[in-house]
Amino acid sequence: MEFTLSCLGCVLVGIILSAPMGPAGMLCVQQTLNRGRAAGMLTGLGAAVSDWFYCWVAALSMTMIIGFIERHTAAFAIVGGLLLALFSALMMRSRPTPRAGGTDSHRAGSVASGFVLAFSNPLIIFLIMPLLVYFGVPQPHYRWWHYALCLLAVFAGAMLWWSLVTWAVDRWRRKMTLATLHRVNVVMGVVMLALSAYSIWRGARLLLAS
Protein backbone atom coordinates (compact mmCIF):
# COMPACT_ATOMS: atom_id res chain seq x y z
CA MET A 1 0.00 0.00 0.00
CA GLU A 2 2.84 2.37 0.90
CA PHE A 3 4.56 1.75 -2.43
CA THR A 4 1.29 2.28 -4.34
CA LEU A 5 0.80 5.65 -2.65
CA SER A 6 4.39 6.60 -3.51
CA CYS A 7 3.75 5.79 -7.18
CA LEU A 8 0.54 7.84 -7.21
CA GLY A 9 2.45 10.68 -5.55
CA CYS A 10 5.11 10.43 -8.25
CA VAL A 11 2.43 10.95 -10.91
CA LEU A 12 1.64 14.23 -9.15
CA VAL A 13 5.37 15.06 -9.09
CA GLY A 14 5.47 14.69 -12.88
CA ILE A 15 2.51 17.06 -13.24
CA ILE A 16 3.99 19.58 -10.79
CA LEU A 17 7.33 19.62 -12.62
CA SER A 18 5.69 20.13 -16.01
CA ALA A 19 2.91 22.57 -15.07
CA PRO A 20 4.90 25.85 -14.84
CA MET A 21 4.73 27.54 -18.25
CA GLY A 22 8.46 27.94 -18.79
CA PRO A 23 10.40 27.89 -22.09
CA ALA A 24 9.66 24.20 -22.77
CA GLY A 25 5.94 24.76 -22.11
CA MET A 26 5.88 27.81 -24.36
CA LEU A 27 7.56 25.85 -27.13
CA CYS A 28 5.11 22.96 -26.67
CA VAL A 29 2.18 25.37 -27.14
CA GLN A 30 3.83 26.99 -30.17
CA GLN A 31 4.53 23.63 -31.81
CA THR A 32 0.94 22.56 -31.23
CA LEU A 33 -0.35 25.78 -32.77
CA ASN A 34 1.94 25.50 -35.79
CA ARG A 35 2.10 21.78 -36.54
CA GLY A 36 -0.66 20.19 -34.52
CA ARG A 37 -0.97 18.12 -31.39
CA ALA A 38 1.56 15.44 -32.37
CA ALA A 39 4.37 17.98 -32.67
CA GLY A 40 3.43 19.49 -29.31
CA MET A 41 3.40 16.08 -27.68
CA LEU A 42 6.89 15.36 -29.04
CA THR A 43 8.15 18.61 -27.53
CA GLY A 44 6.55 17.64 -24.23
CA LEU A 45 8.17 14.21 -24.55
CA GLY A 46 11.60 15.83 -24.76
CA ALA A 47 10.90 17.93 -21.66
CA ALA A 48 9.57 14.87 -19.80
CA VAL A 49 12.74 12.89 -20.61
CA SER A 50 14.85 15.73 -19.18
CA ASP A 51 12.79 15.84 -15.97
CA TRP A 52 12.98 12.05 -15.78
CA PHE A 53 16.79 12.19 -15.96
CA TYR A 54 16.97 14.76 -13.17
CA CYS A 55 14.61 12.58 -11.09
CA TRP A 56 17.05 9.69 -11.39
CA VAL A 57 19.88 11.95 -10.27
CA ALA A 58 17.88 13.05 -7.24
CA ALA A 59 16.47 9.63 -6.31
CA LEU A 60 19.80 7.81 -6.50
CA SER A 61 21.65 10.61 -4.65
CA MET A 62 24.37 10.85 -7.28
CA THR A 63 26.32 13.53 -5.44
CA MET A 64 29.03 13.76 -8.08
CA ILE A 65 26.54 14.76 -10.79
CA ILE A 66 24.69 17.09 -8.41
CA GLY A 67 28.02 18.73 -7.54
CA PHE A 68 28.84 19.13 -11.23
CA ILE A 69 25.47 20.76 -11.85
CA GLU A 70 25.97 23.13 -8.91
CA ARG A 71 29.43 24.15 -10.13
CA HIS A 72 28.22 24.83 -13.67
CA THR A 73 24.82 26.41 -13.00
CA ALA A 74 25.95 29.67 -14.64
CA ALA A 75 27.01 27.88 -17.83
CA PHE A 76 23.70 25.99 -17.97
CA ALA A 77 21.80 29.28 -17.62
CA ILE A 78 23.80 31.10 -20.32
CA VAL A 79 23.75 28.25 -22.85
CA GLY A 80 20.06 27.63 -22.21
CA GLY A 81 19.34 31.35 -22.66
CA LEU A 82 21.22 31.49 -25.96
CA LEU A 83 19.40 28.42 -27.27
CA LEU A 84 16.10 29.91 -26.17
CA ALA A 85 16.92 33.13 -28.03
CA LEU A 86 17.60 31.08 -31.18
CA PHE A 87 14.30 29.20 -30.83
CA SER A 88 12.50 32.52 -30.26
CA ALA A 89 13.92 34.05 -33.44
CA LEU A 90 12.97 30.98 -35.46
CA MET A 91 9.50 31.02 -33.92
CA MET A 92 8.83 34.62 -34.90
CA ARG A 93 10.00 33.96 -38.47
CA SER A 94 8.04 30.73 -38.90
CA ARG A 95 4.75 30.61 -40.76
CA PRO A 96 2.05 28.24 -39.48
CA THR A 97 0.99 25.53 -41.88
CA PRO A 98 -2.67 24.76 -42.57
CA ARG A 99 -2.33 21.15 -41.45
CA ALA A 100 -0.52 19.22 -38.77
CA GLY A 101 2.33 16.86 -39.39
CA GLY A 102 5.95 17.11 -40.42
CA THR A 103 9.02 15.25 -41.58
CA ASP A 104 11.10 12.93 -39.44
CA SER A 105 13.62 15.76 -38.93
CA HIS A 106 10.83 18.01 -37.62
CA ARG A 107 9.75 15.28 -35.20
CA ALA A 108 13.29 14.72 -33.98
CA GLY A 109 13.78 18.47 -33.68
CA SER A 110 10.65 18.79 -31.56
CA VAL A 111 11.87 16.16 -29.10
CA ALA A 112 15.39 17.61 -29.01
CA SER A 113 14.24 21.20 -28.50
CA GLY A 114 11.93 20.22 -25.64
CA PHE A 115 14.74 18.24 -24.01
CA VAL A 116 17.36 20.98 -24.37
CA LEU A 117 15.13 23.73 -23.00
CA ALA A 118 14.12 21.66 -19.97
CA PHE A 119 17.65 20.31 -19.42
CA SER A 120 19.09 23.84 -19.41
CA ASN A 121 17.42 24.44 -16.04
CA PRO A 122 19.33 22.10 -13.68
CA LEU A 123 18.05 23.94 -10.61
CA ILE A 124 14.86 21.91 -11.02
CA ILE A 125 16.67 19.11 -9.22
CA PHE A 126 16.32 21.09 -5.99
CA LEU A 127 12.55 21.03 -6.49
CA ILE A 128 12.54 17.34 -7.36
CA MET A 129 14.40 16.21 -4.25
CA PRO A 130 11.93 17.55 -1.63
CA LEU A 131 8.96 16.40 -3.73
CA LEU A 132 10.28 12.84 -3.88
CA VAL A 133 11.02 12.91 -0.14
CA TYR A 134 7.52 14.24 0.54
CA PHE A 135 5.96 11.29 -1.29
CA GLY A 136 8.24 8.81 0.49
CA VAL A 137 10.29 7.59 -2.46
CA PRO A 138 13.73 7.22 -0.81
CA GLN A 139 13.07 4.26 1.51
CA PRO A 140 15.79 2.01 2.98
CA HIS A 141 13.97 -1.14 1.86
CA TYR A 142 13.39 0.02 -1.73
CA ARG A 143 15.26 -1.92 -4.39
CA TRP A 144 16.17 -0.71 -7.89
CA TRP A 145 12.83 -1.76 -9.38
CA HIS A 146 10.94 0.29 -6.79
CA TYR A 147 12.82 3.40 -7.95
CA ALA A 148 12.33 2.45 -11.59
CA LEU A 149 8.54 2.17 -11.17
CA CYS A 150 8.30 5.36 -9.10
CA LEU A 151 10.24 7.37 -11.66
CA LEU A 152 8.25 5.81 -14.48
CA ALA A 153 5.21 7.21 -12.66
CA VAL A 154 6.86 10.67 -12.71
CA PHE A 155 7.32 10.35 -16.46
CA ALA A 156 3.70 9.21 -16.86
CA GLY A 157 2.51 12.24 -14.88
CA ALA A 158 4.53 14.59 -17.07
CA MET A 159 3.15 13.05 -20.27
CA LEU A 160 -0.38 13.22 -18.85
CA TRP A 161 0.10 16.96 -18.35
CA TRP A 162 1.48 17.52 -21.86
CA SER A 163 -1.37 15.46 -23.29
CA LEU A 164 -3.93 17.72 -21.59
CA VAL A 165 -2.11 20.90 -22.65
CA THR A 166 -1.79 19.89 -26.30
CA TRP A 167 -5.42 18.70 -26.40
CA ALA A 168 -6.66 22.06 -25.11
CA VAL A 169 -4.38 24.11 -27.41
CA ASP A 170 -5.25 21.97 -30.44
CA ARG A 171 -8.97 22.56 -29.89
CA TRP A 172 -8.31 26.30 -29.70
CA ARG A 173 -6.11 26.12 -32.80
CA ARG A 174 -8.90 24.74 -34.96
CA LYS A 175 -10.87 27.98 -34.46
CA MET A 176 -8.00 30.31 -35.47
CA THR A 177 -6.86 31.59 -38.86
CA LEU A 178 -3.25 31.25 -40.05
CA ALA A 179 -2.77 35.02 -39.70
CA THR A 180 -3.86 34.86 -36.07
CA LEU A 181 -1.55 31.92 -35.46
CA HIS A 182 1.35 33.90 -36.87
CA ARG A 183 0.59 36.82 -34.54
CA VAL A 184 0.53 34.37 -31.62
CA ASN A 185 3.95 33.13 -32.76
CA VAL A 186 5.34 36.66 -32.67
CA VAL A 187 3.92 37.39 -29.22
CA MET A 188 5.19 34.11 -27.80
CA GLY A 189 8.56 34.69 -29.46
CA VAL A 190 8.86 38.06 -27.69
CA VAL A 191 7.96 36.46 -24.35
CA MET A 192 10.55 33.73 -24.89
CA LEU A 193 13.17 36.32 -25.82
CA ALA A 194 12.47 38.00 -22.48
CA LEU A 195 12.94 34.65 -20.73
CA SER A 196 16.15 34.17 -22.70
CA ALA A 197 17.50 37.55 -21.63
CA TYR A 198 16.71 36.77 -17.98
CA SER A 199 18.45 33.38 -18.19
CA ILE A 200 21.59 34.90 -19.72
CA TRP A 201 21.57 37.73 -17.17
CA ARG A 202 21.23 35.23 -14.30
CA GLY A 203 24.10 33.14 -15.65
CA ALA A 204 26.32 36.17 -16.11
CA ARG A 205 25.55 37.36 -12.57
CA LEU A 206 26.49 33.94 -11.18
CA LEU A 207 29.76 34.00 -13.12
CA LEU A 208 30.64 37.47 -11.84
CA ALA A 209 29.78 36.48 -8.28
CA SER A 210 32.00 33.40 -8.37
C-alpha atoms as a PDB file:
ATOM      1  CA  MET A   1       0.000   0.000   0.000  1.00  0.00           C
ATOM      2  CA  GLU A   2       2.844   2.372   0.901  1.00  0.00           C
ATOM      3  CA  PHE A   3       4.556   1.754  -2.429  1.00  0.00           C
ATOM      4  CA  THR A   4       1.295   2.277  -4.344  1.00  0.00           C
ATOM      5  CA  LEU A   5       0.800   5.649  -2.653  1.00  0.00           C
ATOM      6  CA  SER A   6       4.386   6.604  -3.511  1.00  0.00           C
ATOM      7  CA  CYS A   7       3.746   5.792  -7.181  1.00  0.00           C
ATOM      8  CA  LEU A   8       0.543   7.840  -7.214  1.00  0.00           C
ATOM      9  CA  GLY A   9       2.448  10.680  -5.551  1.00  0.00           C
ATOM     10  CA  CYS A  10       5.110  10.435  -8.248  1.00  0.00           C
ATOM     11  CA  VAL A  11       2.428  10.946 -10.910  1.00  0.00           C
ATOM     12  CA  LEU A  12       1.643  14.234  -9.153  1.00  0.00           C
ATOM     13  CA  VAL A  13       5.371  15.059  -9.092  1.00  0.00           C
ATOM     14  CA  GLY A  14       5.470  14.688 -12.879  1.00  0.00           C
ATOM     15  CA  ILE A  15       2.509  17.056 -13.241  1.00  0.00           C
ATOM     16  CA  ILE A  16       3.992  19.577 -10.792  1.00  0.00           C
ATOM     17  CA  LEU A  17       7.335  19.625 -12.618  1.00  0.00           C
ATOM     18  CA  SER A  18       5.688  20.135 -16.007  1.00  0.00           C
ATOM     19  CA  ALA A  19       2.906  22.565 -15.071  1.00  0.00           C
ATOM     20  CA  PRO A  20       4.898  25.848 -14.838  1.00  0.00           C
ATOM     21  CA  MET A  21       4.729  27.543 -18.249  1.00  0.00           C
ATOM     22  CA  GLY A  22       8.465  27.939 -18.789  1.00  0.00           C
ATOM     23  CA  PRO A  23      10.403  27.890 -22.089  1.00  0.00           C
ATOM     24  CA  ALA A  24       9.657  24.205 -22.772  1.00  0.00           C
ATOM     25  CA  GLY A  25       5.942  24.759 -22.113  1.00  0.00           C
ATOM     26  CA  MET A  26       5.878  27.811 -24.362  1.00  0.00           C
ATOM     27  CA  LEU A  27       7.557  25.851 -27.135  1.00  0.00           C
ATOM     28  CA  CYS A  28       5.111  22.963 -26.673  1.00  0.00           C
ATOM     29  CA  VAL A  29       2.185  25.372 -27.138  1.00  0.00           C
ATOM     30  CA  GLN A  30       3.833  26.990 -30.173  1.00  0.00           C
ATOM     31  CA  GLN A  31       4.530  23.629 -31.814  1.00  0.00           C
ATOM     32  CA  THR A  32       0.940  22.558 -31.225  1.00  0.00           C
ATOM     33  CA  LEU A  33      -0.349  25.782 -32.772  1.00  0.00           C
ATOM     34  CA  ASN A  34       1.944  25.497 -35.786  1.00  0.00           C
ATOM     35  CA  ARG A  35       2.105  21.783 -36.537  1.00  0.00           C
ATOM     36  CA  GLY A  36      -0.658  20.194 -34.518  1.00  0.00           C
ATOM     37  CA  ARG A  37      -0.969  18.118 -31.386  1.00  0.00           C
ATOM     38  CA  ALA A  38       1.558  15.438 -32.369  1.00  0.00           C
ATOM     39  CA  ALA A  39       4.374  17.981 -32.668  1.00  0.00           C
ATOM     40  CA  GLY A  40       3.432  19.493 -29.311  1.00  0.00           C
ATOM     41  CA  MET A  41       3.404  16.076 -27.678  1.00  0.00           C
ATOM     42  CA  LEU A  42       6.886  15.356 -29.040  1.00  0.00           C
ATOM     43  CA  THR A  43       8.152  18.612 -27.526  1.00  0.00           C
ATOM     44  CA  GLY A  44       6.553  17.637 -24.228  1.00  0.00           C
ATOM     45  CA  LEU A  45       8.173  14.205 -24.547  1.00  0.00           C
ATOM     46  CA  GLY A  46      11.601  15.826 -24.763  1.00  0.00           C
ATOM     47  CA  ALA A  47      10.898  17.931 -21.657  1.00  0.00           C
ATOM     48  CA  ALA A  48       9.573  14.873 -19.798  1.00  0.00           C
ATOM     49  CA  VAL A  49      12.738  12.890 -20.607  1.00  0.00           C
ATOM     50  CA  SER A  50      14.845  15.733 -19.184  1.00  0.00           C
ATOM     51  CA  ASP A  51      12.785  15.838 -15.972  1.00  0.00           C
ATOM     52  CA  TRP A  52      12.977  12.051 -15.778  1.00  0.00           C
ATOM     53  CA  PHE A  53      16.786  12.194 -15.956  1.00  0.00           C
ATOM     54  CA  TYR A  54      16.969  14.755 -13.168  1.00  0.00           C
ATOM     55  CA  CYS A  55      14.613  12.583 -11.089  1.00  0.00           C
ATOM     56  CA  TRP A  56      17.051   9.693 -11.395  1.00  0.00           C
ATOM     57  CA  VAL A  57      19.884  11.952 -10.271  1.00  0.00           C
ATOM     58  CA  ALA A  58      17.881  13.052  -7.244  1.00  0.00           C
ATOM     59  CA  ALA A  59      16.469   9.631  -6.309  1.00  0.00           C
ATOM     60  CA  LEU A  60      19.797   7.814  -6.496  1.00  0.00           C
ATOM     61  CA  SER A  61      21.651  10.611  -4.645  1.00  0.00           C
ATOM     62  CA  MET A  62      24.373  10.850  -7.284  1.00  0.00           C
ATOM     63  CA  THR A  63      26.318  13.531  -5.439  1.00  0.00           C
ATOM     64  CA  MET A  64      29.033  13.764  -8.077  1.00  0.00           C
ATOM     65  CA  ILE A  65      26.543  14.760 -10.787  1.00  0.00           C
ATOM     66  CA  ILE A  66      24.695  17.089  -8.414  1.00  0.00           C
ATOM     67  CA  GLY A  67      28.021  18.727  -7.538  1.00  0.00           C
ATOM     68  CA  PHE A  68      28.841  19.127 -11.228  1.00  0.00           C
ATOM     69  CA  ILE A  69      25.472  20.764 -11.846  1.00  0.00           C
ATOM     70  CA  GLU A  70      25.966  23.134  -8.907  1.00  0.00           C
ATOM     71  CA  ARG A  71      29.430  24.145 -10.135  1.00  0.00           C
ATOM     72  CA  HIS A  72      28.218  24.827 -13.672  1.00  0.00           C
ATOM     73  CA  THR A  73      24.820  26.409 -13.004  1.00  0.00           C
ATOM     74  CA  ALA A  74      25.954  29.675 -14.639  1.00  0.00           C
ATOM     75  CA  ALA A  75      27.007  27.878 -17.829  1.00  0.00           C
ATOM     76  CA  PHE A  76      23.698  25.993 -17.974  1.00  0.00           C
ATOM     77  CA  ALA A  77      21.798  29.280 -17.621  1.00  0.00           C
ATOM     78  CA  ILE A  78      23.797  31.104 -20.323  1.00  0.00           C
ATOM     79  CA  VAL A  79      23.751  28.253 -22.851  1.00  0.00           C
ATOM     80  CA  GLY A  80      20.062  27.632 -22.214  1.00  0.00           C
ATOM     81  CA  GLY A  81      19.336  31.353 -22.662  1.00  0.00           C
ATOM     82  CA  LEU A  82      21.220  31.485 -25.963  1.00  0.00           C
ATOM     83  CA  LEU A  83      19.400  28.415 -27.272  1.00  0.00           C
ATOM     84  CA  LEU A  84      16.103  29.906 -26.173  1.00  0.00           C
ATOM     85  CA  ALA A  85      16.917  33.130 -28.029  1.00  0.00           C
ATOM     86  CA  LEU A  86      17.595  31.083 -31.178  1.00  0.00           C
ATOM     87  CA  PHE A  87      14.299  29.204 -30.829  1.00  0.00           C
ATOM     88  CA  SER A  88      12.504  32.518 -30.260  1.00  0.00           C
ATOM     89  CA  ALA A  89      13.919  34.053 -33.438  1.00  0.00           C
ATOM     90  CA  LEU A  90      12.973  30.975 -35.464  1.00  0.00           C
ATOM     91  CA  MET A  91       9.504  31.024 -33.918  1.00  0.00           C
ATOM     92  CA  MET A  92       8.833  34.624 -34.899  1.00  0.00           C
ATOM     93  CA  ARG A  93       9.997  33.958 -38.473  1.00  0.00           C
ATOM     94  CA  SER A  94       8.036  30.735 -38.904  1.00  0.00           C
ATOM     95  CA  ARG A  95       4.749  30.610 -40.765  1.00  0.00           C
ATOM     96  CA  PRO A  96       2.051  28.245 -39.477  1.00  0.00           C
ATOM     97  CA  THR A  97       0.986  25.530 -41.883  1.00  0.00           C
ATOM     98  CA  PRO A  98      -2.670  24.762 -42.569  1.00  0.00           C
ATOM     99  CA  ARG A  99      -2.331  21.155 -41.450  1.00  0.00           C
ATOM    100  CA  ALA A 100      -0.518  19.217 -38.773  1.00  0.00           C
ATOM    101  CA  GLY A 101       2.334  16.858 -39.389  1.00  0.00           C
ATOM    102  CA  GLY A 102       5.950  17.115 -40.417  1.00  0.00           C
ATOM    103  CA  THR A 103       9.022  15.254 -41.576  1.00  0.00           C
ATOM    104  CA  ASP A 104      11.101  12.927 -39.441  1.00  0.00           C
ATOM    105  CA  SER A 105      13.616  15.756 -38.934  1.00  0.00           C
ATOM    106  CA  HIS A 106      10.829  18.008 -37.617  1.00  0.00           C
ATOM    107  CA  ARG A 107       9.746  15.282 -35.200  1.00  0.00           C
ATOM    108  CA  ALA A 108      13.291  14.718 -33.977  1.00  0.00           C
ATOM    109  CA  GLY A 109      13.782  18.470 -33.682  1.00  0.00           C
ATOM    110  CA  SER A 110      10.646  18.793 -31.555  1.00  0.00           C
ATOM    111  CA  VAL A 111      11.870  16.161 -29.098  1.00  0.00           C
ATOM    112  CA  ALA A 112      15.390  17.606 -29.010  1.00  0.00           C
ATOM    113  CA  SER A 113      14.235  21.196 -28.498  1.00  0.00           C
ATOM    114  CA  GLY A 114      11.928  20.220 -25.640  1.00  0.00           C
ATOM    115  CA  PHE A 115      14.742  18.243 -24.010  1.00  0.00           C
ATOM    116  CA  VAL A 116      17.363  20.983 -24.374  1.00  0.00           C
ATOM    117  CA  LEU A 117      15.134  23.735 -22.996  1.00  0.00           C
ATOM    118  CA  ALA A 118      14.115  21.656 -19.974  1.00  0.00           C
ATOM    119  CA  PHE A 119      17.647  20.311 -19.423  1.00  0.00           C
ATOM    120  CA  SER A 120      19.092  23.842 -19.412  1.00  0.00           C
ATOM    121  CA  ASN A 121      17.416  24.442 -16.036  1.00  0.00           C
ATOM    122  CA  PRO A 122      19.327  22.095 -13.685  1.00  0.00           C
ATOM    123  CA  LEU A 123      18.048  23.941 -10.609  1.00  0.00           C
ATOM    124  CA  ILE A 124      14.861  21.910 -11.017  1.00  0.00           C
ATOM    125  CA  ILE A 125      16.669  19.108  -9.215  1.00  0.00           C
ATOM    126  CA  PHE A 126      16.319  21.093  -5.987  1.00  0.00           C
ATOM    127  CA  LEU A 127      12.548  21.028  -6.486  1.00  0.00           C
ATOM    128  CA  ILE A 128      12.537  17.335  -7.363  1.00  0.00           C
ATOM    129  CA  MET A 129      14.395  16.209  -4.248  1.00  0.00           C
ATOM    130  CA  PRO A 130      11.933  17.549  -1.631  1.00  0.00           C
ATOM    131  CA  LEU A 131       8.964  16.403  -3.732  1.00  0.00           C
ATOM    132  CA  LEU A 132      10.285  12.840  -3.876  1.00  0.00           C
ATOM    133  CA  VAL A 133      11.018  12.909  -0.140  1.00  0.00           C
ATOM    134  CA  TYR A 134       7.516  14.239   0.537  1.00  0.00           C
ATOM    135  CA  PHE A 135       5.959  11.290  -1.286  1.00  0.00           C
ATOM    136  CA  GLY A 136       8.244   8.807   0.485  1.00  0.00           C
ATOM    137  CA  VAL A 137      10.294   7.592  -2.464  1.00  0.00           C
ATOM    138  CA  PRO A 138      13.731   7.218  -0.814  1.00  0.00           C
ATOM    139  CA  GLN A 139      13.071   4.262   1.506  1.00  0.00           C
ATOM    140  CA  PRO A 140      15.788   2.012   2.978  1.00  0.00           C
ATOM    141  CA  HIS A 141      13.971  -1.142   1.861  1.00  0.00           C
ATOM    142  CA  TYR A 142      13.394   0.022  -1.728  1.00  0.00           C
ATOM    143  CA  ARG A 143      15.256  -1.917  -4.391  1.00  0.00           C
ATOM    144  CA  TRP A 144      16.171  -0.705  -7.888  1.00  0.00           C
ATOM    145  CA  TRP A 145      12.833  -1.761  -9.380  1.00  0.00           C
ATOM    146  CA  HIS A 146      10.942   0.294  -6.785  1.00  0.00           C
ATOM    147  CA  TYR A 147      12.823   3.400  -7.948  1.00  0.00           C
ATOM    148  CA  ALA A 148      12.325   2.446 -11.594  1.00  0.00           C
ATOM    149  CA  LEU A 149       8.543   2.173 -11.170  1.00  0.00           C
ATOM    150  CA  CYS A 150       8.298   5.362  -9.103  1.00  0.00           C
ATOM    151  CA  LEU A 151      10.236   7.369 -11.660  1.00  0.00           C
ATOM    152  CA  LEU A 152       8.251   5.813 -14.480  1.00  0.00           C
ATOM    153  CA  ALA A 153       5.210   7.207 -12.662  1.00  0.00           C
ATOM    154  CA  VAL A 154       6.860  10.670 -12.708  1.00  0.00           C
ATOM    155  CA  PHE A 155       7.321  10.347 -16.464  1.00  0.00           C
ATOM    156  CA  ALA A 156       3.695   9.214 -16.862  1.00  0.00           C
ATOM    157  CA  GLY A 157       2.508  12.237 -14.879  1.00  0.00           C
ATOM    158  CA  ALA A 158       4.528  14.593 -17.071  1.00  0.00           C
ATOM    159  CA  MET A 159       3.154  13.050 -20.269  1.00  0.00           C
ATOM    160  CA  LEU A 160      -0.382  13.222 -18.849  1.00  0.00           C
ATOM    161  CA  TRP A 161       0.099  16.963 -18.349  1.00  0.00           C
ATOM    162  CA  TRP A 162       1.478  17.524 -21.863  1.00  0.00           C
ATOM    163  CA  SER A 163      -1.373  15.463 -23.295  1.00  0.00           C
ATOM    164  CA  LEU A 164      -3.932  17.716 -21.588  1.00  0.00           C
ATOM    165  CA  VAL A 165      -2.112  20.901 -22.654  1.00  0.00           C
ATOM    166  CA  THR A 166      -1.788  19.891 -26.299  1.00  0.00           C
ATOM    167  CA  TRP A 167      -5.415  18.699 -26.402  1.00  0.00           C
ATOM    168  CA  ALA A 168      -6.657  22.064 -25.114  1.00  0.00           C
ATOM    169  CA  VAL A 169      -4.384  24.106 -27.408  1.00  0.00           C
ATOM    170  CA  ASP A 170      -5.251  21.969 -30.443  1.00  0.00           C
ATOM    171  CA  ARG A 171      -8.972  22.558 -29.890  1.00  0.00           C
ATOM    172  CA  TRP A 172      -8.308  26.300 -29.701  1.00  0.00           C
ATOM    173  CA  ARG A 173      -6.108  26.116 -32.801  1.00  0.00           C
ATOM    174  CA  ARG A 174      -8.899  24.745 -34.965  1.00  0.00           C
ATOM    175  CA  LYS A 175     -10.871  27.976 -34.456  1.00  0.00           C
ATOM    176  CA  MET A 176      -7.998  30.308 -35.475  1.00  0.00           C
ATOM    177  CA  THR A 177      -6.861  31.591 -38.862  1.00  0.00           C
ATOM    178  CA  LEU A 178      -3.253  31.253 -40.051  1.00  0.00           C
ATOM    179  CA  ALA A 179      -2.768  35.017 -39.699  1.00  0.00           C
ATOM    180  CA  THR A 180      -3.861  34.860 -36.069  1.00  0.00           C
ATOM    181  CA  LEU A 181      -1.554  31.921 -35.457  1.00  0.00           C
ATOM    182  CA  HIS A 182       1.354  33.903 -36.874  1.00  0.00           C
ATOM    183  CA  ARG A 183       0.590  36.819 -34.543  1.00  0.00           C
ATOM    184  CA  VAL A 184       0.528  34.375 -31.624  1.00  0.00           C
ATOM    185  CA  ASN A 185       3.953  33.134 -32.761  1.00  0.00           C
ATOM    186  CA  VAL A 186       5.344  36.663 -32.666  1.00  0.00           C
ATOM    187  CA  VAL A 187       3.918  37.391 -29.223  1.00  0.00           C
ATOM    188  CA  MET A 188       5.192  34.115 -27.802  1.00  0.00           C
ATOM    189  CA  GLY A 189       8.560  34.695 -29.460  1.00  0.00           C
ATOM    190  CA  VAL A 190       8.864  38.057 -27.694  1.00  0.00           C
ATOM    191  CA  VAL A 191       7.962  36.455 -24.353  1.00  0.00           C
ATOM    192  CA  MET A 192      10.552  33.728 -24.891  1.00  0.00           C
ATOM    193  CA  LEU A 193      13.175  36.325 -25.821  1.00  0.00           C
ATOM    194  CA  ALA A 194      12.475  38.001 -22.482  1.00  0.00           C
ATOM    195  CA  LEU A 195      12.937  34.654 -20.725  1.00  0.00           C
ATOM    196  CA  SER A 196      16.146  34.166 -22.703  1.00  0.00           C
ATOM    197  CA  ALA A 197      17.498  37.550 -21.625  1.00  0.00           C
ATOM    198  CA  TYR A 198      16.707  36.767 -17.977  1.00  0.00           C
ATOM    199  CA  SER A 199      18.449  33.381 -18.188  1.00  0.00           C
ATOM    200  CA  ILE A 200      21.590  34.897 -19.725  1.00  0.00           C
ATOM    201  CA  TRP A 201      21.568  37.734 -17.169  1.00  0.00           C
ATOM    202  CA  ARG A 202      21.231  35.232 -14.302  1.00  0.00           C
ATOM    203  CA  GLY A 203      24.097  33.140 -15.650  1.00  0.00           C
ATOM    204  CA  ALA A 204      26.322  36.172 -16.106  1.00  0.00           C
ATOM    205  CA  ARG A 205      25.553  37.362 -12.573  1.00  0.00           C
ATOM    206  CA  LEU A 206      26.492  33.945 -11.180  1.00  0.00           C
ATOM    207  CA  LEU A 207      29.759  34.005 -13.119  1.00  0.00           C
ATOM    208  CA  LEU A 208      30.640  37.473 -11.838  1.00  0.00           C
ATOM    209  CA  ALA A 209      29.776  36.482  -8.278  1.00  0.00           C
ATOM    210  CA  SER A 210      31.998  33.398  -8.366  1.00  0.00           C
END
